[in-house]
Amino acid sequence: MKHSVQIYSIRNAGDFDTQLALLRKVGFQWVESVATHGLAPAEFAAKLAHCGLKLSSMHASLVLVETERAKLVEACKLTGCPLVVMPFLAHGDRPRSAAGWRAMGARLAAVGRAFAAEGIRFAYHNHEWEFLSYEGKTALEWLFEPTRAEDLAWEADLGWVTRAGQSPQAWGERFADRLVAVHAKDVYAEGQAIDEDGWAPLGSGIVPWSTLFPDLRKRTELFVFEHDNPKDFEARLGASLAYMKKYFR
């Protein structure tokens, strides 16, 4: 298993060097970046190496994967990163129809083929809005329908699946052939005393990780912890890494 962490989780913890040092202190060996964090590929790779961190995967926006792909490819080759993930569709880019989601799928599949030519896999990361229904199917189904799994894979954020009121187990099975990574997040139960935007420490919320993991591990080795708004960075990351090491084996 690769126990990774999305660096976005500690975006407010200081500059990039401080963030990397904290992740290494907590005990992570693998990280998932937000593109190159504004750095040139060589400098980005050097900073990771200096902290003894390895790049499991990289998030990159729609604009970057379409207009700065060469820079992302260079960074991936310097770090040995095998996976680029498009993590978010801005409100203006989000389709509002079945046809629109199909068109977006075809658009992303073209990006995926370009990355594949460089030996890099390309995937889509969901939030909750991909589970809105259009003409009897969810947006996620329309997105994937016109594509091949090798052109557009899936990094399943099961925390957002749960927040959408959907079954993470059902959707994990539905697109098992596309699953290349899992965002390991947890959600407080409704009515539970919450803070941190409702995201719970991993293993203490309502996402049934102990039930989900045996099937998920058959599909992927990459599990990426993420917390959108932790108050105590070190405590949240440390406890969640411990949970992953104990139960995600």
Protein backbone atom coordinates (compact mmCIF):
# COMPACT_ATOMS: atom_id res chain seq x y z
CA MET A 1 0.00 0.00 0.00
CA LYS A 2 1.05 3.56 -0.69
CA HIS A 3 -0.13 5.75 2.20
CA SER A 4 -0.04 9.22 0.69
CA VAL A 5 -1.40 12.66 1.63
CA GLN A 6 -2.73 15.51 -0.46
CA ILE A 7 -0.54 18.51 0.40
CA TYR A 8 -3.58 20.77 -0.03
CA SER A 9 -4.61 19.51 3.42
CA ILE A 10 -1.93 21.71 5.02
CA ARG A 11 -1.96 24.64 2.62
CA ASN A 12 -2.27 26.99 5.61
CA ALA A 13 0.59 25.48 7.59
CA GLY A 14 3.34 27.73 6.19
CA ASP A 15 5.40 27.87 3.02
CA PHE A 16 6.08 24.82 0.86
CA ASP A 17 9.28 23.90 2.67
CA THR A 18 7.47 24.04 6.01
CA GLN A 19 4.66 21.88 4.66
CA LEU A 20 7.05 19.22 3.37
CA ALA A 21 9.01 19.17 6.63
CA LEU A 22 5.79 18.70 8.58
CA LEU A 23 4.66 15.81 6.40
CA ARG A 24 8.00 14.09 6.82
CA LYS A 25 7.94 14.69 10.58
CA VAL A 26 4.49 13.10 10.83
CA GLY A 27 5.81 10.05 9.00
CA PHE A 28 4.50 10.25 5.45
CA GLN A 29 6.76 8.94 2.70
CA TRP A 30 4.39 9.58 -0.19
CA VAL A 31 2.65 12.84 -1.08
CA GLU A 32 0.18 14.05 -3.69
CA SER A 33 0.98 17.55 -4.90
CA VAL A 34 -0.97 20.47 -6.30
CA ALA A 35 0.84 20.61 -9.64
CA THR A 36 4.37 21.87 -8.87
CA HIS A 37 3.29 24.37 -6.21
CA GLY A 38 4.35 27.24 -8.43
CA LEU A 39 7.91 25.97 -8.78
CA ALA A 40 9.96 25.01 -11.81
CA PRO A 41 9.97 21.22 -12.21
CA ALA A 42 13.62 20.78 -11.21
CA GLU A 43 13.25 22.90 -8.06
CA PHE A 44 10.02 21.11 -7.14
CA ALA A 45 11.66 17.70 -7.53
CA ALA A 46 14.72 18.81 -5.52
CA LYS A 47 12.58 19.99 -2.59
CA LEU A 48 10.77 16.67 -2.41
CA ALA A 49 14.03 14.76 -2.57
CA HIS A 50 15.58 16.95 0.13
CA CYS A 51 12.77 15.95 2.52
CA GLY A 52 12.92 12.31 1.52
CA LEU A 53 9.40 12.40 0.05
CA LYS A 54 8.14 10.56 -3.01
CA LEU A 55 5.39 11.77 -5.34
CA SER A 56 2.54 9.27 -5.59
CA SER A 57 0.38 11.50 -7.77
CA MET A 58 -0.22 15.08 -8.80
CA HIS A 59 -3.34 17.22 -8.97
CA ALA A 60 -3.45 19.69 -11.85
CA SER A 61 -6.25 21.96 -12.99
CA LEU A 62 -8.06 21.78 -16.32
CA VAL A 63 -6.11 24.81 -17.54
CA LEU A 64 -2.76 23.28 -16.61
CA VAL A 65 -3.37 19.84 -18.12
CA GLU A 66 -4.43 21.47 -21.38
CA THR A 67 -1.96 24.36 -21.64
CA GLU A 68 1.09 23.46 -19.51
CA ARG A 69 1.22 19.72 -19.97
CA ALA A 70 4.92 19.73 -20.90
CA LYS A 71 5.83 21.26 -17.52
CA LEU A 72 3.73 18.67 -15.68
CA VAL A 73 5.28 15.84 -17.67
CA GLU A 74 8.77 17.12 -16.88
CA ALA A 75 7.96 17.24 -13.18
CA CYS A 76 6.50 13.74 -13.28
CA LYS A 77 9.56 12.33 -15.00
CA LEU A 78 11.92 14.01 -12.55
CA THR A 79 9.99 12.62 -9.56
CA GLY A 80 8.87 9.27 -10.96
CA CYS A 81 5.23 10.29 -10.57
CA PRO A 82 2.97 7.90 -12.55
CA LEU A 83 -0.37 9.68 -12.16
CA VAL A 84 -1.85 13.12 -12.89
CA VAL A 85 -5.34 13.86 -11.60
CA MET A 86 -7.71 16.64 -12.67
CA PRO A 87 -9.22 17.47 -9.25
CA PHE A 88 -11.82 20.15 -9.71
CA LEU A 89 -14.08 21.81 -12.25
CA ALA A 90 -14.61 25.49 -11.58
CA HIS A 91 -18.22 26.62 -11.56
CA GLY A 92 -17.99 28.08 -15.05
CA ASP A 93 -16.48 24.86 -16.46
CA ARG A 94 -19.06 22.57 -14.88
CA PRO A 95 -21.51 21.15 -17.46
CA ARG A 96 -25.24 21.56 -16.91
CA SER A 97 -26.53 18.75 -19.13
CA ALA A 98 -25.90 15.15 -20.08
CA ALA A 99 -24.46 16.26 -23.41
CA GLY A 100 -22.18 18.71 -21.65
CA TRP A 101 -20.81 16.04 -19.33
CA ARG A 102 -20.26 13.69 -22.26
CA ALA A 103 -18.37 16.43 -24.07
CA MET A 104 -16.25 17.05 -21.00
CA GLY A 105 -15.47 13.35 -20.81
CA ALA A 106 -14.29 13.33 -24.42
CA ARG A 107 -12.22 16.46 -23.76
CA LEU A 108 -10.51 14.89 -20.75
CA ALA A 109 -9.95 11.62 -22.58
CA ALA A 110 -7.95 13.53 -25.19
CA VAL A 111 -5.79 14.90 -22.37
CA GLY A 112 -5.44 11.37 -21.04
CA ARG A 113 -4.17 10.08 -24.37
CA ALA A 114 -1.55 12.83 -24.45
CA PHE A 115 -0.32 11.90 -20.98
CA ALA A 116 -0.38 8.20 -21.86
CA ALA A 117 2.00 8.91 -24.73
CA GLU A 118 4.45 10.05 -22.04
CA GLY A 119 3.87 6.98 -19.88
CA ILE A 120 1.66 8.81 -17.35
CA ARG A 121 -1.86 7.83 -16.31
CA PHE A 122 -4.58 10.50 -16.16
CA ALA A 123 -7.60 10.46 -13.84
CA TYR A 124 -10.58 12.48 -12.66
CA HIS A 125 -11.29 13.32 -9.01
CA ASN A 126 -14.90 13.78 -7.93
CA HIS A 127 -16.71 16.08 -5.56
CA GLU A 128 -20.43 15.86 -4.80
CA TRP A 129 -21.85 17.57 -7.87
CA GLU A 130 -20.93 14.65 -10.15
CA PHE A 131 -23.83 12.77 -8.53
CA LEU A 132 -26.47 15.17 -9.76
CA SER A 133 -28.79 13.49 -12.24
CA TYR A 134 -29.20 14.43 -15.91
CA GLU A 135 -31.59 12.48 -18.13
CA GLY A 136 -31.64 9.53 -15.75
CA LYS A 137 -27.91 9.20 -15.12
CA THR A 138 -25.44 10.92 -12.86
CA ALA A 139 -22.94 13.40 -14.24
CA LEU A 140 -20.14 10.95 -13.37
CA GLU A 141 -21.72 8.26 -15.54
CA TRP A 142 -22.11 10.68 -18.45
CA LEU A 143 -18.51 11.84 -17.99
CA PHE A 144 -17.10 8.34 -18.24
CA GLU A 145 -19.52 6.98 -20.85
CA PRO A 146 -17.71 8.18 -24.00
CA THR A 147 -14.23 7.30 -22.66
CA ARG A 148 -11.99 4.30 -22.22
CA ALA A 149 -10.65 3.52 -18.75
CA GLU A 150 -7.07 3.74 -20.03
CA ASP A 151 -7.73 7.32 -21.22
CA LEU A 152 -9.63 8.57 -18.18
CA ALA A 153 -9.26 6.79 -14.85
CA TRP A 154 -10.84 7.68 -11.50
CA GLU A 155 -9.43 8.90 -8.22
CA ALA A 156 -12.44 8.18 -6.04
CA ASP A 157 -13.02 10.67 -3.25
CA LEU A 158 -15.26 8.54 -1.08
CA GLY A 159 -15.75 11.31 1.45
CA TRP A 160 -17.47 13.41 -1.19
CA VAL A 161 -19.40 10.36 -2.44
CA THR A 162 -20.74 9.95 1.09
CA ARG A 163 -21.55 13.66 1.38
CA ALA A 164 -23.54 13.35 -1.83
CA GLY A 165 -25.75 10.77 -0.07
CA GLN A 166 -24.39 7.96 -2.22
CA SER A 167 -22.96 4.55 -1.38
CA PRO A 168 -19.16 4.51 -1.68
CA GLN A 169 -19.24 0.73 -1.99
CA ALA A 170 -21.73 0.80 -4.87
CA TRP A 171 -19.80 3.44 -6.80
CA GLY A 172 -16.49 1.74 -6.13
CA GLU A 173 -17.92 -1.36 -7.75
CA ARG A 174 -19.61 0.60 -10.56
CA PHE A 175 -16.33 2.01 -11.83
CA ALA A 176 -13.90 -0.56 -10.45
CA ASP A 177 -12.15 -0.80 -13.82
CA ARG A 178 -11.19 2.89 -13.64
CA LEU A 179 -10.07 3.04 -10.02
CA VAL A 180 -6.42 4.08 -9.74
CA ALA A 181 -6.47 5.91 -6.38
CA VAL A 182 -8.74 6.56 -3.43
CA HIS A 183 -9.01 9.77 -1.45
CA ALA A 184 -9.33 8.62 2.13
CA LYS A 185 -11.57 11.13 3.90
CA ASP A 186 -14.17 10.79 6.60
CA VAL A 187 -17.42 12.60 7.37
CA TYR A 188 -19.13 13.28 10.68
CA ALA A 189 -22.63 11.87 11.16
CA GLU A 190 -25.48 14.35 10.83
CA GLY A 191 -26.14 16.04 14.16
CA GLN A 192 -22.78 15.10 15.60
CA ALA A 193 -20.82 17.97 17.14
CA ILE A 194 -18.62 19.04 14.26
CA ASP A 195 -16.10 21.59 13.17
CA GLU A 196 -13.50 21.67 10.40
CA ASP A 197 -16.23 21.92 7.74
CA GLY A 198 -17.71 18.60 8.87
CA TRP A 199 -14.69 16.47 7.93
CA ALA A 200 -13.83 13.90 10.57
CA PRO A 201 -10.52 12.29 11.52
CA LEU A 202 -10.02 9.22 9.35
CA GLY A 203 -11.79 6.23 10.86
CA SER A 204 -14.02 8.24 13.21
CA GLY A 205 -16.78 9.23 10.79
CA ILE A 206 -19.50 7.46 8.84
CA VAL A 207 -17.51 6.26 5.82
CA PRO A 208 -17.31 2.47 6.37
CA TRP A 209 -13.60 2.13 5.67
CA SER A 210 -13.19 -1.26 7.36
CA THR A 211 -15.86 -2.68 5.05
CA LEU A 212 -14.68 -0.86 1.95
CA PHE A 213 -10.98 -1.53 2.11
CA PRO A 214 -10.84 -5.26 1.27
CA ASP A 215 -12.45 -4.66 -2.13
CA LEU A 216 -10.68 -1.36 -2.80
CA ARG A 217 -7.24 -2.86 -2.26
CA LYS A 218 -7.94 -5.30 -5.10
CA ARG A 219 -8.22 -2.31 -7.44
CA THR A 220 -5.51 0.06 -6.29
CA GLU A 221 -2.56 0.37 -3.93
CA LEU A 222 -2.77 4.15 -3.62
CA PHE A 223 -4.72 5.68 -0.72
CA VAL A 224 -4.38 9.43 -0.30
CA PHE A 225 -5.46 11.05 2.96
CA GLU A 226 -7.08 14.44 2.63
CA HIS A 227 -8.71 16.84 5.07
CA ASP A 228 -10.01 20.10 3.66
CA ASN A 229 -9.77 22.21 6.82
CA PRO A 230 -7.86 20.72 9.76
CA LYS A 231 -7.33 22.89 12.84
CA ASP A 232 -4.41 20.91 14.23
CA PHE A 233 -2.36 19.85 11.21
CA GLU A 234 0.06 17.52 12.95
CA ALA A 235 -2.57 15.80 15.08
CA ARG A 236 -4.97 15.19 12.19
CA LEU A 237 -2.29 13.95 9.83
CA GLY A 238 -0.58 11.80 12.44
CA ALA A 239 -3.77 10.10 13.60
CA SER A 240 -4.94 9.49 10.04
CA LEU A 241 -1.60 8.04 8.93
CA ALA A 242 -1.69 5.72 11.95
CA TYR A 243 -5.18 4.58 10.95
CA MET A 244 -4.07 3.93 7.38
CA LYS A 245 -1.05 1.95 8.50
CA LYS A 246 -3.16 -0.15 10.86
CA TYR A 247 -6.16 -0.86 8.64
CA PHE A 248 -5.02 -0.18 5.05
CA ARG A 249 -2.51 -3.02 4.68
